[in-house]
Amino acid sequence: FLDIVFSEYVSLQRANGFLVITLAIVGERALISVGDGNGNELATTRVEFTDCPIGSYSFYFCNDVLHLPSEY
């Protein structure tokens, strides 16, 4: 997940200033969705295999730092 965020989404974060990144795990697959925080989806990435626990996780990405929502 971190490899994808910091290799694929840094340019989006620098262009937009703030991103909401959602990691959704279903079974062994993951979907990473990136939005601008205003309901606009900017990118998605599908991951065919992950061992991350099933669930949905949200993060905020700004100033080149990935935050948990409770940390922002």
N, C-alpha and C. Protein backbone atom coordinates (compact mmCIF):
# COMPACT_ATOMS: atom_id res chain seq x y z
N PHE A 1 0.82 -1.20 0.00
CA PHE A 1 0.00 0.00 0.00
C PHE A 1 0.86 1.25 0.00
N LEU A 2 1.83 1.30 0.90
CA LEU A 2 2.68 2.50 0.97
C LEU A 2 3.51 2.68 -0.30
N ASP A 3 3.96 1.56 -0.89
CA ASP A 3 4.69 1.65 -2.16
C ASP A 3 3.84 2.31 -3.23
N ILE A 4 2.59 1.91 -3.31
CA ILE A 4 1.69 2.48 -4.31
C ILE A 4 1.43 3.95 -4.03
N VAL A 5 1.13 4.28 -2.79
CA VAL A 5 0.84 5.68 -2.43
C VAL A 5 2.02 6.58 -2.78
N PHE A 6 3.22 6.21 -2.35
CA PHE A 6 4.36 7.10 -2.53
C PHE A 6 5.02 7.01 -3.90
N SER A 7 4.64 6.04 -4.71
CA SER A 7 5.18 6.01 -6.07
C SER A 7 4.17 6.52 -7.10
N GLU A 8 2.87 6.35 -6.84
CA GLU A 8 1.87 6.72 -7.84
C GLU A 8 1.08 7.98 -7.50
N TYR A 9 0.95 8.34 -6.24
CA TYR A 9 0.03 9.41 -5.88
C TYR A 9 0.69 10.69 -5.39
N VAL A 10 2.00 10.73 -5.29
CA VAL A 10 2.68 11.94 -4.83
C VAL A 10 2.42 13.10 -5.78
N SER A 11 2.48 12.85 -7.09
CA SER A 11 2.23 13.94 -8.05
C SER A 11 0.80 14.45 -7.96
N LEU A 12 -0.17 13.55 -7.71
CA LEU A 12 -1.56 13.98 -7.51
C LEU A 12 -1.69 14.84 -6.25
N GLN A 13 -1.02 14.42 -5.19
CA GLN A 13 -1.08 15.18 -3.93
C GLN A 13 -0.46 16.56 -4.11
N ARG A 14 0.64 16.64 -4.81
CA ARG A 14 1.29 17.94 -5.01
C ARG A 14 0.46 18.84 -5.90
N ALA A 15 -0.26 18.27 -6.85
CA ALA A 15 -1.12 19.07 -7.74
C ALA A 15 -2.40 19.52 -7.05
N ASN A 16 -2.92 18.69 -6.12
CA ASN A 16 -4.19 18.99 -5.47
C ASN A 16 -4.05 19.51 -4.05
N GLY A 17 -2.93 19.24 -3.41
CA GLY A 17 -2.71 19.71 -2.05
C GLY A 17 -3.22 18.78 -0.96
N PHE A 18 -4.35 18.13 -1.21
CA PHE A 18 -4.96 17.26 -0.21
C PHE A 18 -5.66 16.11 -0.91
N LEU A 19 -5.45 14.90 -0.42
CA LEU A 19 -6.10 13.72 -0.97
C LEU A 19 -6.72 12.89 0.15
N VAL A 20 -7.82 12.24 -0.17
CA VAL A 20 -8.41 11.23 0.70
C VAL A 20 -8.17 9.90 -0.01
N ILE A 21 -7.47 8.99 0.66
CA ILE A 21 -7.16 7.69 0.08
C ILE A 21 -7.90 6.63 0.87
N THR A 22 -8.66 5.80 0.16
CA THR A 22 -9.41 4.73 0.80
C THR A 22 -8.88 3.39 0.31
N LEU A 23 -8.60 2.52 1.25
CA LEU A 23 -8.14 1.16 0.97
C LEU A 23 -9.27 0.22 1.36
N ALA A 24 -9.87 -0.45 0.38
CA ALA A 24 -10.97 -1.38 0.63
C ALA A 24 -10.49 -2.79 0.33
N ILE A 25 -10.59 -3.68 1.32
CA ILE A 25 -10.14 -5.06 1.19
C ILE A 25 -11.35 -5.98 1.18
N VAL A 26 -11.43 -6.81 0.14
CA VAL A 26 -12.47 -7.83 0.04
C VAL A 26 -11.76 -9.13 -0.32
N GLY A 27 -11.81 -10.09 0.59
CA GLY A 27 -11.09 -11.35 0.36
C GLY A 27 -9.60 -11.09 0.30
N GLU A 28 -8.99 -11.49 -0.81
CA GLU A 28 -7.55 -11.28 -0.98
C GLU A 28 -7.25 -10.13 -1.94
N ARG A 29 -8.27 -9.36 -2.31
CA ARG A 29 -8.09 -8.27 -3.25
C ARG A 29 -8.30 -6.93 -2.56
N ALA A 30 -7.67 -5.92 -3.15
CA ALA A 30 -7.78 -4.57 -2.60
C ALA A 30 -8.11 -3.58 -3.71
N LEU A 31 -8.82 -2.54 -3.34
CA LEU A 31 -9.08 -1.42 -4.23
C LEU A 31 -8.65 -0.16 -3.49
N ILE A 32 -7.77 0.59 -4.11
CA ILE A 32 -7.31 1.85 -3.55
C ILE A 32 -7.97 2.96 -4.36
N SER A 33 -8.74 3.80 -3.69
CA SER A 33 -9.42 4.93 -4.35
C SER A 33 -8.86 6.23 -3.81
N VAL A 34 -8.65 7.17 -4.72
CA VAL A 34 -8.09 8.46 -4.35
C VAL A 34 -9.05 9.57 -4.77
N GLY A 35 -9.40 10.42 -3.81
CA GLY A 35 -10.28 11.54 -4.09
C GLY A 35 -9.69 12.83 -3.56
N ASP A 36 -10.33 13.94 -3.94
CA ASP A 36 -9.84 15.25 -3.52
C ASP A 36 -10.49 15.76 -2.24
N GLY A 37 -11.36 14.95 -1.64
CA GLY A 37 -12.04 15.36 -0.42
C GLY A 37 -13.35 16.08 -0.68
N ASN A 38 -13.64 16.37 -1.94
CA ASN A 38 -14.87 17.05 -2.33
C ASN A 38 -15.78 16.15 -3.16
N GLY A 39 -15.56 14.85 -3.08
CA GLY A 39 -16.38 13.91 -3.82
C GLY A 39 -15.90 13.59 -5.22
N ASN A 40 -14.77 14.15 -5.63
CA ASN A 40 -14.23 13.89 -6.97
C ASN A 40 -13.18 12.78 -6.89
N GLU A 41 -13.39 11.71 -7.65
CA GLU A 41 -12.42 10.61 -7.68
C GLU A 41 -11.33 10.94 -8.68
N LEU A 42 -10.08 10.83 -8.24
CA LEU A 42 -8.94 11.18 -9.08
C LEU A 42 -8.22 9.97 -9.65
N ALA A 43 -8.23 8.85 -8.93
CA ALA A 43 -7.51 7.66 -9.38
C ALA A 43 -7.99 6.43 -8.61
N THR A 44 -7.80 5.28 -9.21
CA THR A 44 -8.04 4.00 -8.52
C THR A 44 -6.95 3.02 -8.93
N THR A 45 -6.64 2.14 -8.02
CA THR A 45 -5.68 1.08 -8.29
C THR A 45 -6.22 -0.22 -7.72
N ARG A 46 -6.22 -1.26 -8.52
CA ARG A 46 -6.64 -2.59 -8.06
C ARG A 46 -5.41 -3.42 -7.74
N VAL A 47 -5.48 -4.12 -6.63
CA VAL A 47 -4.39 -5.01 -6.19
C VAL A 47 -4.98 -6.41 -6.14
N GLU A 48 -4.40 -7.33 -6.88
CA GLU A 48 -4.96 -8.68 -7.01
C GLU A 48 -4.74 -9.55 -5.78
N PHE A 49 -3.69 -9.29 -5.01
CA PHE A 49 -3.47 -10.08 -3.81
C PHE A 49 -2.94 -9.20 -2.69
N THR A 50 -3.53 -9.36 -1.51
CA THR A 50 -3.04 -8.69 -0.31
C THR A 50 -3.33 -9.58 0.89
N ASP A 51 -2.53 -9.44 1.91
CA ASP A 51 -2.81 -10.15 3.16
C ASP A 51 -3.28 -9.18 4.24
N CYS A 52 -3.66 -7.98 3.82
CA CYS A 52 -4.22 -6.99 4.74
C CYS A 52 -5.57 -7.49 5.25
N PRO A 53 -5.91 -7.24 6.50
CA PRO A 53 -7.22 -7.67 7.03
C PRO A 53 -8.39 -7.04 6.27
N ILE A 54 -9.45 -7.80 6.11
CA ILE A 54 -10.64 -7.34 5.41
C ILE A 54 -11.21 -6.11 6.11
N GLY A 55 -11.62 -5.14 5.31
CA GLY A 55 -12.21 -3.92 5.86
C GLY A 55 -11.97 -2.75 4.95
N SER A 56 -12.34 -1.58 5.42
CA SER A 56 -12.13 -0.35 4.67
C SER A 56 -11.37 0.63 5.57
N TYR A 57 -10.34 1.22 5.01
CA TYR A 57 -9.45 2.10 5.77
C TYR A 57 -9.30 3.41 5.01
N SER A 58 -9.34 4.53 5.71
CA SER A 58 -9.19 5.84 5.08
C SER A 58 -7.95 6.54 5.61
N PHE A 59 -7.34 7.33 4.74
CA PHE A 59 -6.14 8.09 5.07
C PHE A 59 -6.24 9.46 4.40
N TYR A 60 -5.57 10.44 4.97
CA TYR A 60 -5.44 11.76 4.37
C TYR A 60 -3.97 11.92 3.95
N PHE A 61 -3.76 12.49 2.77
CA PHE A 61 -2.41 12.66 2.24
C PHE A 61 -2.23 14.14 1.89
N CYS A 62 -1.37 14.82 2.64
CA CYS A 62 -1.08 16.22 2.35
C CYS A 62 0.33 16.56 2.83
N ASN A 63 0.95 17.52 2.16
CA ASN A 63 2.32 17.93 2.49
C ASN A 63 3.28 16.75 2.52
N ASP A 64 3.08 15.79 1.61
CA ASP A 64 3.92 14.59 1.50
C ASP A 64 3.88 13.71 2.74
N VAL A 65 2.83 13.82 3.54
CA VAL A 65 2.67 13.01 4.75
C VAL A 65 1.33 12.29 4.68
N LEU A 66 1.33 10.99 4.97
CA LEU A 66 0.12 10.20 5.01
C LEU A 66 -0.38 10.16 6.45
N HIS A 67 -1.62 10.62 6.67
CA HIS A 67 -2.19 10.73 8.01
C HIS A 67 -3.36 9.78 8.19
N LEU A 68 -3.54 9.30 9.41
CA LEU A 68 -4.81 8.70 9.80
C LEU A 68 -5.78 9.85 10.01
N PRO A 69 -7.08 9.66 9.76
CA PRO A 69 -8.02 10.77 9.98
C PRO A 69 -7.95 11.36 11.39
N SER A 70 -7.69 10.54 12.39
CA SER A 70 -7.60 11.04 13.76
C SER A 70 -6.35 11.88 14.01
N GLU A 71 -5.37 11.82 13.12
CA GLU A 71 -4.13 12.57 13.28
C GLU A 71 -4.17 13.92 12.57
N TYR A 72 -5.13 14.11 11.70
CA TYR A 72 -5.15 15.32 10.87
C TYR A 72 -5.80 16.47 11.59
